[in-house]
C-alpha atoms as a PDB file:
ATOM      1  CA  MET A   1       3.637   8.238  -3.102  1.00  0.00           C
ATOM      2  CA  THR A   2       4.570   7.376  -6.459  1.00  0.00           C
ATOM      3  CA  GLN A   3       2.573   8.022  -9.302  1.00  0.00           C
ATOM      4  CA  LYS A   4       1.789   4.485 -10.364  1.00  0.00           C
ATOM      5  CA  CYS A   5       1.081   3.814  -6.648  1.00  0.00           C
ATOM      6  CA  SER A   6      -1.781   6.393  -7.165  1.00  0.00           C
ATOM      7  CA  LYS A   7      -3.088   4.901 -10.046  1.00  0.00           C
ATOM      8  CA  GLN A   8      -2.808   1.553  -8.633  1.00  0.00           C
ATOM      9  CA  VAL A   9      -5.495   2.824  -5.459  1.00  0.00           C
ATOM     10  CA  ARG A  10      -7.341   4.378  -7.831  1.00  0.00           C
ATOM     11  CA  SER A  11      -8.186   1.500  -9.434  1.00  0.00           C
ATOM     12  CA  ILE A  12      -8.627  -0.925  -7.027  1.00  0.00           C
ATOM     13  CA  LEU A  13     -10.751   1.663  -5.225  1.00  0.00           C
ATOM     14  CA  ASP A  14     -12.750   1.971  -8.527  1.00  0.00           C
ATOM     15  CA  TYR A  15     -13.385  -1.960  -8.742  1.00  0.00           C
ATOM     16  CA  ILE A  16     -14.547  -2.102  -5.076  1.00  0.00           C
ATOM     17  CA  ALA A  17     -16.728   0.821  -5.765  1.00  0.00           C
ATOM     18  CA  GLU A  18     -18.622  -0.871  -8.623  1.00  0.00           C
ATOM     19  CA  GLU A  19     -20.028  -3.828  -6.158  1.00  0.00           C
ATOM     20  CA  ASN A  20     -20.061  -1.535  -2.835  1.00  0.00           C
ATOM     21  CA  PRO A  21     -19.332   2.340  -2.599  1.00  0.00           C
ATOM     22  CA  HIS A  22     -19.209   2.363   1.105  1.00  0.00           C
ATOM     23  CA  ALA A  23     -16.679  -0.500   1.181  1.00  0.00           C
ATOM     24  CA  ALA A  24     -14.974   1.588  -1.598  1.00  0.00           C
ATOM     25  CA  ILE A  25     -14.896   4.685   0.644  1.00  0.00           C
ATOM     26  CA  ALA A  26     -14.229   2.293   3.720  1.00  0.00           C
ATOM     27  CA  ALA A  27     -10.764   0.818   2.037  1.00  0.00           C
ATOM     28  CA  GLY A  28      -9.404   4.458   0.665  1.00  0.00           C
ATOM     29  CA  ARG A  29      -9.592   5.534   4.561  1.00  0.00           C
ATOM     30  CA  LYS A  30      -7.776   2.658   5.460  1.00  0.00           C
ATOM     31  CA  ILE A  31      -5.217   2.845   2.665  1.00  0.00           C
ATOM     32  CA  GLU A  32      -4.743   6.485   3.449  1.00  0.00           C
ATOM     33  CA  GLU A  33      -4.121   5.425   7.076  1.00  0.00           C
ATOM     34  CA  ALA A  34      -1.969   2.626   6.841  1.00  0.00           C
ATOM     35  CA  ALA A  35       0.185   4.508   4.042  1.00  0.00           C
ATOM     36  CA  ALA A  36       0.209   7.561   6.710  1.00  0.00           C
ATOM     37  CA  GLU A  37       1.635   5.304   9.381  1.00  0.00           C
ATOM     38  CA  SER A  38       4.000   3.753   7.016  1.00  0.00           C
ATOM     39  CA  LEU A  39       6.013   7.239   6.754  1.00  0.00           C
ATOM     40  CA  ALA A  40       5.236   8.049  10.198  1.00  0.00           C
ATOM     41  CA  PHE A  41       6.824   5.094  11.380  1.00  0.00           C
ATOM     42  CA  PRO A  42       8.794   3.235   8.560  1.00  0.00           C
ATOM     43  CA  TYR A  43      10.414   0.430   9.829  1.00  0.00           C
ATOM     44  CA  PRO A  44       7.670  -1.530  11.321  1.00  0.00           C
ATOM     45  CA  GLY A  45       7.209  -3.249   7.991  1.00  0.00           C
ATOM     46  CA  ARG A  46       9.158  -6.179   7.461  1.00  0.00           C
ATOM     47  CA  PRO A  47      12.170  -6.388   5.029  1.00  0.00           C
ATOM     48  CA  ALA A  48      10.969  -7.418   1.540  1.00  0.00           C
ATOM     49  CA  PRO A  49      12.896 -10.349  -0.534  1.00  0.00           C
ATOM     50  CA  VAL A  50      13.903  -7.190  -2.641  1.00  0.00           C
ATOM     51  CA  GLU A  51      17.133  -5.820  -1.105  1.00  0.00           C
ATOM     52  CA  GLY A  52      15.895  -2.018  -0.395  1.00  0.00           C
ATOM     53  CA  LEU A  53      12.067  -2.571   0.196  1.00  0.00           C
ATOM     54  CA  ARG A  54      10.234  -2.879   3.353  1.00  0.00           C
ATOM     55  CA  VAL A  55       6.271  -4.988   3.167  1.00  0.00           C
ATOM     56  CA  PHE A  56       3.280  -3.016   5.346  1.00  0.00           C
ATOM     57  CA  CYS A  57       0.120  -4.937   5.193  1.00  0.00           C
ATOM     58  CA  ILE A  58      -3.164  -2.740   5.578  1.00  0.00           C
ATOM     59  CA  PRO A  59      -4.782  -4.028   8.735  1.00  0.00           C
ATOM     60  CA  ARG A  60      -8.336  -5.818   7.743  1.00  0.00           C
ATOM     61  CA  LEU A  61      -7.730  -5.413   3.611  1.00  0.00           C
ATOM     62  CA  PRO A  62      -5.876  -7.774   1.696  1.00  0.00           C
ATOM     63  CA  TYR A  63      -3.228  -5.401   0.400  1.00  0.00           C
ATOM     64  CA  LEU A  64       0.219  -5.121   1.140  1.00  0.00           C
ATOM     65  CA  ILE A  65       2.056  -1.436   0.859  1.00  0.00           C
ATOM     66  CA  VAL A  66       5.613  -1.572  -0.803  1.00  0.00           C
ATOM     67  CA  TYR A  67       8.315   0.798  -0.039  1.00  0.00           C
ATOM     68  CA  SER A  68      11.873   2.167   0.347  1.00  0.00           C
ATOM     69  CA  VAL A  69      13.559   4.450   3.422  1.00  0.00           C
ATOM     70  CA  ARG A  70      16.751   5.799   2.126  1.00  0.00           C
ATOM     71  CA  GLU A  71      18.042   8.490   4.807  1.00  0.00           C
ATOM     72  CA  ASN A  72      14.690   9.256   6.576  1.00  0.00           C
ATOM     73  CA  VAL A  73      12.740   9.572   3.483  1.00  0.00           C
ATOM     74  CA  VAL A  74      10.136   7.129   3.061  1.00  0.00           C
ATOM     75  CA  GLU A  75       8.749   6.490  -0.646  1.00  0.00           C
ATOM     76  CA  ILE A  76       5.537   4.184  -1.341  1.00  0.00           C
ATOM     77  CA  ALA A  77       6.660   2.078  -4.417  1.00  0.00           C
ATOM     78  CA  THR A  78       3.584   0.196  -5.254  1.00  0.00           C
ATOM     79  CA  LEU A  79       0.038  -1.320  -3.568  1.00  0.00           C
ATOM     80  CA  TRP A  80      -0.680  -4.843  -4.397  1.00  0.00           C
ATOM     81  CA  HIS A  81      -3.090  -7.309  -3.337  1.00  0.00           C
ATOM     82  CA  GLY A  82      -2.018 -10.059  -0.866  1.00  0.00           C
ATOM     83  CA  ARG A  83      -1.831 -13.071  -3.392  1.00  0.00           C
ATOM     84  CA  GLN A  84      -0.309 -11.020  -6.538  1.00  0.00           C
ATOM     85  CA  ASP A  85       3.162 -11.931  -6.988  1.00  0.00           C
ATOM     86  CA  TRP A  86       4.482  -8.889  -6.665  1.00  0.00           C
ATOM     87  CA  MET A  87       8.373  -9.433  -6.929  1.00  0.00           C
ATOM     88  CA  HIS A  88       7.637 -10.407 -10.980  1.00  0.00           C
END
């Protein structure tokens, strides 16, 4: 996971925790599980509109993991809310 993505995850969880710390813990677990799944099985994610990137939807959360696969190495580039325009 890139440094930028790690910061995004922390920011998202901090924001959720302001209202509901238990929900933040649950969201953190779901993000970790989805990240691990995208690393273990990178091709279920759909191709992104940007060449070389793929998108994996986090189950039961409105977030997308944007990642690349090169020579069997997966790099998670960013994490975006489904309503954000992550291409710009």
